[in-house]
Amino acid sequence: MSPPLLKLGAVLSTMAMISNWMSQTLPSLVGLNTTIITTSDTLTQISPKEGWQVYSSAQDPDGRCICTVVAPEQNLCSRDAKSRQLRQLLEKVQNMSQSIEVLNLRTQRDFQYVLKMETQMKGLKAKFRQIEDDRKTLMTKHFQELKEKMDELLPLIPVLEQYKTDAKLITQFKEEIRNLSAVLTGIQEEIGAYDYEELHQRVLSLETRLRDCMKKLTCGKLMKITGPITVKISGTRFGAWMTDPLASEKNNRVWYMDSYTNNKIVREYKSIADFVSGAESRTYNLPFKWAGTNHVVYNGSLYFNKYQSNIIIKYSFDTGRVLAQRSLEYAGFHNVYPYTWGGFSDIDLMADEIGLWAVYATNQNAGNIVISQLNQDTLEVLKSWSTGYPKRSAGESFMICGTLYVTNSHLTGAKVYYSYSTKTSTYEYTDIPFHNQYFHISMLDYNARDRALYAWNNGHQVLFNVTLFHVIKTEDDG
């Protein structure tokens, strides 16, 4: 078992009309109507009406996003006089895709024209379906390779829904539609053939452009929690396990810290698979006992709360030495302001896309939660936010993109009940339920690399998938 277990979703916002038009209309223009996709477990029939489809998304063994695009099998008929016209058609469709990638949300009124054009294009679908009737010889191996390549692209396509442009580009897009209509009129009587290599090159081009789109994803807002996936059953009722969100793609080490006190032993595993099988690779004997279960591994170092103190320790796994330690001023400790379940969970250390954080409570803030951003090298507090949520009423909490999410319970019926944004210094009450399968959560932390929540649930090490609402960066965002 490895990070590919994490089928991590991403909710990409609106502009559904563009996505629907691409998935239902464009594929039909070039005969991309019917595809059979074979995975290790399933055989899925995509009907001609569905066209291009988002099939699946997951992560490969190295932790990278695997995106799936469905391309149909094609008929490799002999070339004829219309082959040239069909290639011209494909070039026009390529140009349209480039224009679509930069469509501006502020010019939505122009999309009504596109919807009208869709009606005209649907009349051409029947002609192109004749290609499927004439299939006699298929390059099975080549087209299977093409399908696999398209499988990797599919979840990238929704990012096109958020792309912006101005009125001038919309006008250019309309002109492409007119040109395409003219080409289609010229080949309605007879359909030419196009070869595998030409289509393959277009797929590669699409992959490059869509991966560039993914780089424009900004931080997301938590929308949903699914799972859990039970990875292992081990240890006591309380503990922590984690991976490093800043580790390289090939580094999937797991660290395991059983119990919430009276322990200094950290166990390391080279991968989640080794963790499941119990193939321990190394053991560290910390210079101090830890308090609670709210530790974090960040950029190769372990950050933990020293037992019976409000001191934070930074310990390097590479050198086996303490690199820094600092008292967290005014922070309650030793069960003064723990989470509901107790366990010396007064100080919760965590990391997200922005950096390293400490969540705790003080007398000065009447026992309510304080959020502090820390310098990862010196442990100095960079900035703090005082919330109005009582620390003792929280089941657990975690940070995503600078927002603290607080659960209302560590027992059954748990849900994310409250969130506080450090960006806007505002809070809101939320209602995001999640399944507390084993009835007692004593650790819940977000991993930005895996886009998942690591949890210790009554002696079970589990993972929750998170769904985030993403916003696409634009030129105006700077």
Protein backbone atom coordinates (compact mmCIF):
# COMPACT_ATOMS: atom_id res chain seq x y z
CA MET A 1 0.00 0.00 0.00
CA SER A 2 1.36 3.42 -0.89
CA PRO A 3 0.13 6.98 -1.43
CA PRO A 4 -1.78 5.88 -4.56
CA LEU A 5 -4.40 4.73 -2.06
CA LEU A 6 -5.27 8.38 -1.83
CA LYS A 7 -7.77 9.05 -4.53
CA LEU A 8 -7.76 12.75 -3.75
CA GLY A 9 -10.35 14.84 -5.34
CA ALA A 10 -10.33 18.46 -6.38
CA VAL A 11 -13.46 20.52 -6.90
CA LEU A 12 -12.76 22.90 -9.75
CA SER A 13 -15.22 25.74 -9.89
CA THR A 14 -17.90 26.72 -12.39
CA MET A 15 -18.10 27.38 -16.14
CA ALA A 16 -19.90 24.07 -16.62
CA MET A 17 -21.19 25.09 -20.03
CA ILE A 18 -17.66 25.09 -21.49
CA SER A 19 -16.82 21.73 -19.95
CA ASN A 20 -20.08 20.20 -21.22
CA TRP A 21 -19.58 21.61 -24.69
CA MET A 22 -16.05 20.21 -24.89
CA SER A 23 -17.04 16.80 -23.56
CA GLN A 24 -20.19 16.37 -25.69
CA THR A 25 -19.62 18.27 -28.92
CA LEU A 26 -15.93 18.62 -29.84
CA PRO A 27 -15.18 14.89 -29.65
CA SER A 28 -18.07 14.13 -31.96
CA LEU A 29 -16.70 16.53 -34.59
CA VAL A 30 -13.63 14.38 -35.10
CA GLY A 31 -15.26 11.01 -34.55
CA LEU A 32 -14.29 10.59 -30.92
CA ASN A 33 -17.55 8.97 -29.87
CA THR A 34 -17.20 5.46 -28.57
CA THR A 35 -14.43 4.09 -26.37
CA ILE A 36 -13.91 1.01 -24.24
CA ILE A 37 -11.52 1.59 -21.34
CA THR A 38 -9.87 -1.37 -19.67
CA THR A 39 -8.50 -1.06 -16.14
CA SER A 40 -7.19 -3.75 -13.82
CA ASP A 41 -10.67 -4.42 -12.43
CA THR A 42 -13.33 -3.00 -14.70
CA LEU A 43 -14.48 -2.68 -18.29
CA THR A 44 -16.43 0.53 -18.87
CA GLN A 45 -18.41 1.36 -22.01
CA ILE A 46 -18.53 5.04 -22.90
CA SER A 47 -21.51 5.66 -25.13
CA PRO A 48 -21.31 7.87 -28.25
CA LYS A 49 -23.37 10.52 -26.48
CA GLU A 50 -20.76 10.84 -23.76
CA GLY A 51 -17.73 11.68 -25.90
CA TRP A 52 -14.67 12.76 -23.97
CA GLN A 53 -15.14 11.83 -20.30
CA VAL A 54 -13.39 12.27 -16.96
CA TYR A 55 -12.72 8.63 -16.05
CA SER A 56 -10.65 8.67 -12.85
CA SER A 57 -7.99 10.40 -10.77
CA ALA A 58 -5.50 8.98 -8.32
CA GLN A 59 -1.81 9.09 -7.50
CA ASP A 60 1.01 6.90 -8.80
CA PRO A 61 3.53 5.18 -6.45
CA ASP A 62 5.67 8.32 -6.49
CA GLY A 63 2.80 10.52 -5.24
CA ARG A 64 2.13 12.27 -8.55
CA CYS A 65 -1.33 13.07 -9.81
CA ILE A 66 -2.62 10.52 -12.39
CA CYS A 67 -5.13 12.13 -14.72
CA THR A 68 -7.40 10.12 -17.04
CA VAL A 69 -8.69 11.25 -20.46
CA VAL A 70 -10.73 8.93 -22.68
CA ALA A 71 -9.97 8.85 -26.40
CA PRO A 72 -11.88 6.50 -28.73
CA GLU A 73 -10.62 3.79 -30.96
CA GLN A 74 -10.40 4.98 -34.52
CA ASN A 75 -10.75 3.44 -37.95
CA LEU A 76 -7.57 3.42 -39.91
CA CYS A 77 -9.09 3.33 -43.35
CA SER A 78 -7.09 3.88 -46.51
CA ARG A 79 -6.28 7.49 -47.24
CA ASP A 80 -8.34 9.29 -49.83
CA ALA A 81 -8.92 12.79 -51.11
CA LYS A 82 -10.78 13.75 -47.95
CA SER A 83 -7.88 12.92 -45.60
CA ARG A 84 -6.42 16.34 -46.14
CA GLN A 85 -9.73 17.97 -45.28
CA LEU A 86 -9.99 15.97 -42.05
CA ARG A 87 -6.50 17.05 -41.00
CA GLN A 88 -7.57 20.62 -41.62
CA LEU A 89 -10.53 19.94 -39.37
CA LEU A 90 -8.25 18.62 -36.63
CA GLU A 91 -6.05 21.70 -36.90
CA LYS A 92 -9.10 23.89 -36.47
CA VAL A 93 -10.21 21.90 -33.42
CA GLN A 94 -6.68 22.26 -32.02
CA ASN A 95 -6.88 26.02 -32.44
CA MET A 96 -10.25 26.06 -30.74
CA SER A 97 -8.84 24.16 -27.74
CA GLN A 98 -6.11 26.76 -27.39
CA SER A 99 -8.69 29.53 -27.42
CA ILE A 100 -10.94 27.75 -24.94
CA GLU A 101 -8.07 27.47 -22.43
CA VAL A 102 -8.02 31.21 -22.03
CA LEU A 103 -11.76 31.99 -22.02
CA ASN A 104 -12.69 34.85 -19.70
CA LEU A 105 -15.34 34.31 -17.06
CA ARG A 106 -16.23 37.99 -17.46
CA THR A 107 -17.48 37.42 -21.03
CA GLN A 108 -20.06 34.75 -20.27
CA ARG A 109 -22.64 36.44 -22.45
CA ASP A 110 -20.58 35.47 -25.51
CA PHE A 111 -20.84 31.81 -24.60
CA GLN A 112 -24.49 31.86 -25.63
CA TYR A 113 -23.27 32.00 -29.20
CA VAL A 114 -21.23 28.85 -28.60
CA LEU A 115 -24.30 27.04 -27.29
CA LYS A 116 -26.20 27.92 -30.48
CA MET A 117 -23.34 26.57 -32.57
CA GLU A 118 -23.49 23.35 -30.58
CA THR A 119 -27.00 22.67 -31.87
CA GLN A 120 -25.80 22.98 -35.47
CA MET A 121 -22.84 20.70 -34.85
CA LYS A 122 -24.92 17.95 -33.28
CA GLY A 123 -26.42 17.33 -36.71
CA LEU A 124 -23.06 16.12 -37.88
CA LYS A 125 -22.72 13.38 -35.25
CA ALA A 126 -24.61 10.75 -37.25
CA LYS A 127 -22.23 11.10 -40.18
CA PHE A 128 -19.18 10.53 -38.06
CA ARG A 129 -20.66 7.49 -36.34
CA GLN A 130 -20.38 5.69 -39.70
CA ILE A 131 -16.71 5.38 -38.94
CA GLU A 132 -17.52 2.84 -36.22
CA ASP A 133 -19.62 0.74 -38.64
CA ASP A 134 -16.67 0.30 -40.99
CA ARG A 135 -14.14 -0.84 -38.39
CA LYS A 136 -12.46 -3.96 -39.79
CA THR A 137 -8.81 -3.54 -38.95
CA LEU A 138 -7.69 -1.94 -35.72
CA MET A 139 -4.18 -1.34 -34.49
CA THR A 140 -5.12 -2.74 -31.08
CA LYS A 141 -1.75 -2.30 -29.46
CA HIS A 142 -1.24 1.26 -30.68
CA PHE A 143 -4.70 2.42 -29.72
CA GLN A 144 -4.42 0.79 -26.30
CA GLU A 145 -1.26 2.85 -25.71
CA LEU A 146 -3.17 5.92 -26.83
CA LYS A 147 -6.02 5.18 -24.41
CA GLU A 148 -3.59 4.79 -21.53
CA LYS A 149 -2.02 8.14 -22.39
CA MET A 150 -5.43 9.75 -22.53
CA ASP A 151 -6.30 8.13 -19.18
CA GLU A 152 -3.55 10.17 -17.57
CA LEU A 153 -5.00 13.41 -18.94
CA LEU A 154 -8.68 13.13 -18.14
CA PRO A 155 -8.90 14.82 -14.71
CA LEU A 156 -6.85 17.73 -16.05
CA ILE A 157 -9.57 18.76 -18.50
CA PRO A 158 -11.88 20.38 -15.86
CA VAL A 159 -9.29 23.11 -15.26
CA LEU A 160 -10.26 24.51 -18.66
CA GLU A 161 -13.62 25.45 -17.11
CA GLN A 162 -12.01 28.30 -15.17
CA TYR A 163 -9.90 29.91 -17.85
CA LYS A 164 -10.22 33.62 -18.59
CA THR A 165 -9.84 35.77 -21.65
CA ASP A 166 -11.17 39.04 -23.00
CA ALA A 167 -13.74 39.95 -25.62
CA LYS A 168 -11.13 39.93 -28.37
CA LEU A 169 -10.31 36.27 -27.74
CA ILE A 170 -14.01 35.42 -27.68
CA THR A 171 -14.31 36.98 -31.13
CA GLN A 172 -11.37 34.88 -32.29
CA PHE A 173 -13.07 31.79 -30.92
CA LYS A 174 -16.24 32.57 -32.87
CA GLU A 175 -14.18 32.93 -36.03
CA GLU A 176 -12.69 29.49 -35.43
CA ILE A 177 -16.22 28.10 -35.17
CA ARG A 178 -17.13 29.66 -38.52
CA ASN A 179 -14.03 28.23 -40.17
CA LEU A 180 -14.72 24.82 -38.70
CA SER A 181 -18.29 24.87 -39.97
CA ALA A 182 -17.01 25.60 -43.47
CA VAL A 183 -14.59 22.68 -43.33
CA LEU A 184 -17.27 20.34 -42.03
CA THR A 185 -19.59 21.31 -44.86
CA GLY A 186 -16.90 20.28 -47.34
CA ILE A 187 -16.51 16.77 -45.95
CA GLN A 188 -20.10 15.83 -45.12
CA GLU A 189 -20.40 13.49 -48.15
CA GLU A 190 -17.42 11.38 -47.28
CA ILE A 191 -15.20 10.86 -44.23
CA GLY A 192 -11.43 10.61 -44.65
CA ALA A 193 -9.01 8.67 -42.47
CA TYR A 194 -6.39 10.01 -40.12
CA ASP A 195 -3.52 7.97 -38.72
CA TYR A 196 -2.56 7.05 -35.20
CA GLU A 197 0.65 9.08 -35.15
CA GLU A 198 -1.13 12.32 -35.97
CA LEU A 199 -3.68 11.82 -33.19
CA HIS A 200 -0.95 10.73 -30.79
CA GLN A 201 0.98 13.95 -31.34
CA ARG A 202 -2.14 15.97 -30.62
CA VAL A 203 -2.62 14.06 -27.37
CA LEU A 204 0.94 14.87 -26.33
CA SER A 205 0.37 18.54 -27.09
CA LEU A 206 -2.84 18.54 -25.06
CA GLU A 207 -1.04 16.91 -22.14
CA THR A 208 1.62 19.62 -22.07
CA ARG A 209 -0.88 22.45 -22.13
CA LEU A 210 -3.16 20.92 -19.50
CA ARG A 211 -0.30 20.25 -17.11
CA ASP A 212 0.59 23.91 -17.43
CA CYS A 213 -3.00 24.64 -16.42
CA MET A 214 -2.62 22.58 -13.24
CA LYS A 215 0.25 24.80 -12.12
CA LYS A 216 -2.25 27.63 -11.82
CA LEU A 217 -4.24 25.94 -9.03
CA THR A 218 -4.23 28.00 -5.86
CA CYS A 219 -5.01 26.84 -2.34
CA GLY A 220 -8.39 25.26 -1.79
CA LYS A 221 -11.24 25.40 0.70
CA LEU A 222 -12.36 22.19 2.39
CA MET A 223 -15.66 20.95 0.98
CA LYS A 224 -15.87 17.24 1.84
CA ILE A 225 -14.14 14.43 3.77
CA THR A 226 -14.50 10.81 2.63
CA GLY A 227 -13.21 7.51 3.95
CA PRO A 228 -11.61 6.35 6.03
CA ILE A 229 -9.16 3.94 4.45
CA THR A 230 -7.78 1.65 7.16
CA VAL A 231 -4.05 1.28 6.62
CA LYS A 232 -3.06 -0.71 9.70
CA ILE A 233 -4.14 -1.77 13.20
CA SER A 234 -1.36 -1.35 15.74
CA GLY A 235 -0.28 0.26 18.99
CA THR A 236 -2.36 1.64 21.83
CA ARG A 237 -5.56 3.68 21.57
CA PHE A 238 -3.51 6.87 21.24
CA GLY A 239 -0.65 7.77 18.94
CA ALA A 240 0.52 9.50 15.78
CA TRP A 241 1.80 8.51 12.34
CA MET A 242 2.80 10.77 9.48
CA THR A 243 4.78 11.41 6.31
CA ASP A 244 6.73 14.51 5.31
CA PRO A 245 4.70 16.87 3.06
CA LEU A 246 7.93 18.47 1.78
CA ALA A 247 9.67 15.18 0.92
CA SER A 248 10.58 14.43 -2.70
CA GLU A 249 8.22 12.38 -4.84
CA LYS A 250 10.35 9.26 -4.34
CA ASN A 251 10.61 9.70 -0.58
CA ASN A 252 7.58 8.11 1.09
CA ARG A 253 8.99 7.42 4.55
CA VAL A 254 6.51 6.91 7.39
CA TRP A 255 7.11 7.82 11.04
CA TYR A 256 5.25 6.15 13.90
CA MET A 257 4.95 7.42 17.51
CA ASP A 258 2.86 5.25 19.82
CA SER A 259 1.17 6.65 22.97
CA TYR A 260 0.75 10.24 24.14
CA THR A 261 3.36 10.29 26.92
CA ASN A 262 6.20 8.41 28.62
CA ASN A 263 7.81 7.52 25.29
CA LYS A 264 10.84 8.68 23.28
CA ILE A 265 10.97 6.05 20.52
CA VAL A 266 10.16 7.03 16.92
CA ARG A 267 9.97 4.22 14.36
CA GLU A 268 10.68 4.83 10.69
CA TYR A 269 9.51 2.86 7.63
CA LYS A 270 10.68 3.41 4.04
CA SER A 271 7.13 3.35 2.63
CA ILE A 272 3.53 2.77 3.61
CA ALA A 273 3.88 -0.77 2.24
CA ASP A 274 6.74 -1.40 4.67
CA PHE A 275 4.70 0.22 7.43
CA VAL A 276 1.81 -2.18 6.77
CA SER A 277 4.10 -5.21 6.69
CA GLY A 278 6.04 -4.04 9.76
CA ALA A 279 9.38 -3.78 7.93
CA GLU A 280 10.94 -1.14 10.16
CA SER A 281 13.99 0.60 8.66
CA ARG A 282 15.25 2.69 11.57
CA THR A 283 14.55 3.67 15.18
CA TYR A 284 15.22 7.05 16.79
CA ASN A 285 15.61 7.59 20.53
CA LEU A 286 14.62 11.20 21.19
CA PRO A 287 16.45 13.19 23.88
CA PHE A 288 13.12 14.12 25.53
CA LYS A 289 9.75 12.47 26.06
CA TRP A 290 6.91 13.96 24.07
CA ALA A 291 3.50 15.18 25.23
CA GLY A 292 0.31 14.44 23.33
CA THR A 293 -0.05 13.05 19.81
CA ASN A 294 0.08 16.27 17.82
CA HIS A 295 3.56 16.06 16.33
CA VAL A 296 4.52 16.84 12.74
CA VAL A 297 7.35 15.90 10.38
CA TYR A 298 8.24 18.85 8.15
CA ASN A 299 11.17 19.17 5.74
CA GLY A 300 13.12 16.30 7.30
CA SER A 301 12.68 17.30 10.95
CA LEU A 302 10.32 16.23 13.71
CA TYR A 303 8.53 18.97 15.67
CA PHE A 304 7.06 17.93 19.03
CA ASN A 305 5.98 19.29 22.42
CA LYS A 306 8.42 18.43 25.21
CA TYR A 307 6.71 16.57 28.07
CA GLN A 308 5.46 18.72 31.00
CA SER A 309 6.35 22.01 29.29
CA ASN A 310 5.26 24.42 26.59
CA ILE A 311 8.62 23.98 24.84
CA ILE A 312 8.66 23.01 21.17
CA ILE A 313 11.52 20.82 19.97
CA LYS A 314 12.89 20.58 16.43
CA TYR A 315 14.73 17.27 15.93
CA SER A 316 16.64 16.36 12.75
CA PHE A 317 16.26 12.78 11.53
CA ASP A 318 19.37 13.14 9.36
CA THR A 319 21.73 14.21 12.16
CA GLY A 320 19.88 12.73 15.14
CA ARG A 321 20.26 16.03 16.98
CA VAL A 322 18.04 18.80 18.36
CA LEU A 323 18.29 21.77 15.98
CA ALA A 324 16.14 24.22 17.94
CA GLN A 325 13.87 24.53 20.96
CA ARG A 326 11.70 27.40 22.11
CA SER A 327 9.05 28.05 24.73
CA LEU A 328 5.63 28.90 23.30
CA GLU A 329 4.80 31.94 25.39
CA TYR A 330 1.66 31.72 27.57
CA ALA A 331 0.63 28.39 26.01
CA GLY A 332 -1.14 26.05 28.40
CA PHE A 333 0.37 22.57 28.84
CA HIS A 334 0.05 19.28 30.73
CA ASN A 335 -3.74 18.98 30.33
CA VAL A 336 -4.54 22.63 31.14
CA TYR A 337 -6.07 23.24 27.68
CA PRO A 338 -6.16 19.89 25.87
CA TYR A 339 -8.60 18.71 23.24
CA THR A 340 -11.76 17.03 24.54
CA TRP A 341 -10.11 13.62 24.82
CA GLY A 342 -7.25 14.90 27.04
CA GLY A 343 -3.93 13.10 26.59
CA PHE A 344 -1.71 16.19 27.10
CA SER A 345 -2.92 17.45 23.71
CA ASP A 346 -2.54 21.11 24.76
CA ILE A 347 -0.19 22.08 21.91
CA ASP A 348 -0.98 20.87 18.40
CA LEU A 349 1.81 21.25 15.81
CA MET A 350 0.81 21.03 12.16
CA ALA A 351 1.83 22.02 8.63
CA ASP A 352 0.01 22.95 5.44
CA GLU A 353 0.72 24.55 2.06
CA ILE A 354 1.76 27.79 3.77
CA GLY A 355 4.11 26.50 6.46
CA LEU A 356 4.43 25.41 10.09
CA TRP A 357 1.76 26.16 12.71
CA ALA A 358 1.06 25.76 16.44
CA VAL A 359 -2.50 25.59 17.80
CA TYR A 360 -2.96 26.00 21.55
CA ALA A 361 -4.82 28.05 24.19
CA THR A 362 -3.81 30.69 26.73
CA ASN A 363 -5.23 32.25 29.87
CA GLN A 364 -5.00 35.62 28.11
CA ASN A 365 -7.43 34.34 25.47
CA ALA A 366 -9.74 32.80 28.09
CA GLY A 367 -8.84 29.24 27.10
CA ASN A 368 -9.87 29.81 23.50
CA ILE A 369 -7.79 28.60 20.57
CA VAL A 370 -4.76 30.63 19.48
CA ILE A 371 -3.16 30.01 16.07
CA SER A 372 0.52 30.88 15.61
CA GLN A 373 2.61 30.66 12.46
CA LEU A 374 6.16 29.50 13.27
CA ASN A 375 9.54 29.98 11.67
CA GLN A 376 10.53 26.41 10.81
CA ASP A 377 14.22 27.07 11.58
CA THR A 378 14.10 29.09 14.80
CA LEU A 379 10.58 28.21 16.03
CA GLU A 380 9.96 31.92 16.51
CA VAL A 381 6.31 32.99 16.38
CA LEU A 382 5.84 35.01 13.19
CA LYS A 383 2.22 36.00 13.78
CA SER A 384 -0.69 34.91 15.97
CA TRP A 385 -4.49 34.93 15.70
CA SER A 386 -6.84 34.67 18.70
CA THR A 387 -10.11 32.84 18.02
CA GLY A 388 -13.25 32.57 20.11
CA TYR A 389 -13.47 28.75 20.04
CA PRO A 390 -12.79 26.99 23.38
CA LYS A 391 -9.85 24.60 23.04
CA ARG A 392 -11.39 22.08 25.45
CA SER A 393 -14.53 21.86 23.29
CA ALA A 394 -12.58 20.83 20.20
CA GLY A 395 -12.23 17.17 19.27
CA GLU A 396 -9.22 17.74 16.97
CA SER A 397 -8.12 20.34 14.41
CA PHE A 398 -5.99 20.69 11.29
CA MET A 399 -4.78 23.42 8.89
CA ILE A 400 -5.41 23.60 5.13
CA CYS A 401 -4.16 26.60 3.15
CA GLY A 402 -3.95 28.85 6.19
CA THR A 403 -7.42 27.97 7.50
CA LEU A 404 -7.90 26.09 10.76
CA TYR A 405 -10.67 23.45 10.71
CA VAL A 406 -11.98 22.32 14.10
CA THR A 407 -13.97 19.14 14.74
CA ASN A 408 -16.75 19.17 17.30
CA SER A 409 -16.00 15.75 18.77
CA HIS A 410 -13.44 12.92 18.89
CA LEU A 411 -16.26 10.37 19.24
CA THR A 412 -19.14 9.28 16.99
CA GLY A 413 -21.04 11.85 14.97
CA ALA A 414 -17.89 13.89 14.40
CA LYS A 415 -17.85 16.69 11.87
CA VAL A 416 -15.86 19.79 11.01
CA TYR A 417 -17.88 22.35 12.90
CA TYR A 418 -15.81 25.54 12.84
CA SER A 419 -13.17 27.16 10.63
CA TYR A 420 -10.95 30.21 11.06
CA SER A 421 -9.15 31.88 8.14
CA THR A 422 -5.82 33.49 8.99
CA LYS A 423 -5.93 35.27 5.63
CA THR A 424 -9.07 37.24 6.49
CA SER A 425 -9.03 36.86 10.32
CA THR A 426 -12.64 35.67 10.15
CA TYR A 427 -14.45 32.52 11.25
CA GLU A 428 -17.52 30.58 10.19
CA TYR A 429 -19.49 27.60 11.44
CA THR A 430 -19.42 24.69 9.03
CA ASP A 431 -21.09 21.30 8.69
CA ILE A 432 -18.71 18.80 7.07
CA PRO A 433 -19.34 15.31 8.51
CA PHE A 434 -16.85 12.45 8.37
CA HIS A 435 -17.04 8.80 9.39
CA ASN A 436 -15.42 8.11 12.78
CA GLN A 437 -15.34 4.38 12.12
CA TYR A 438 -13.52 3.29 15.28
CA PHE A 439 -15.13 5.81 17.65
CA HIS A 440 -12.12 7.55 19.19
CA ILE A 441 -9.82 9.90 17.24
CA SER A 442 -6.69 11.08 19.08
CA MET A 443 -4.78 12.51 16.10
CA LEU A 444 -5.97 14.18 12.89
CA ASP A 445 -3.50 16.02 10.63
CA TYR A 446 -3.54 17.24 7.03
CA ASN A 447 -0.74 16.35 4.60
CA ALA A 448 -0.47 18.88 1.77
CA ARG A 449 1.51 16.59 -0.54
CA ASP A 450 -0.93 13.69 -0.27
CA ARG A 451 -4.01 15.93 0.01
CA ALA A 452 -5.27 13.66 2.81
CA LEU A 453 -5.93 13.56 6.54
CA TYR A 454 -3.80 11.17 8.60
CA ALA A 455 -5.65 9.92 11.68
CA TRP A 456 -5.11 7.65 14.67
CA ASN A 457 -8.51 6.14 15.40
CA ASN A 458 -8.61 3.92 18.48
CA GLY A 459 -5.49 1.93 17.57
CA HIS A 460 -6.20 2.09 13.82
CA GLN A 461 -4.04 4.11 11.45
CA VAL A 462 -6.40 5.51 8.82
CA LEU A 463 -6.52 8.00 5.96
CA PHE A 464 -9.33 10.34 4.93
CA ASN A 465 -9.61 11.79 1.43
CA VAL A 466 -10.36 15.51 1.26
CA THR A 467 -12.16 17.39 -1.48
CA LEU A 468 -11.08 20.99 -1.93
CA PHE A 469 -12.68 23.81 -3.86
CA HIS A 470 -9.95 25.37 -6.01
CA VAL A 471 -9.64 28.77 -7.59
CA ILE A 472 -7.66 29.25 -10.79
CA LYS A 473 -4.91 31.89 -10.77
CA THR A 474 -5.32 34.59 -13.39
CA GLU A 475 -3.18 37.42 -14.68
CA ASP A 476 -5.16 39.80 -12.46
CA ASP A 477 -4.10 37.86 -9.37
CA GLY A 478 -0.46 38.90 -9.88
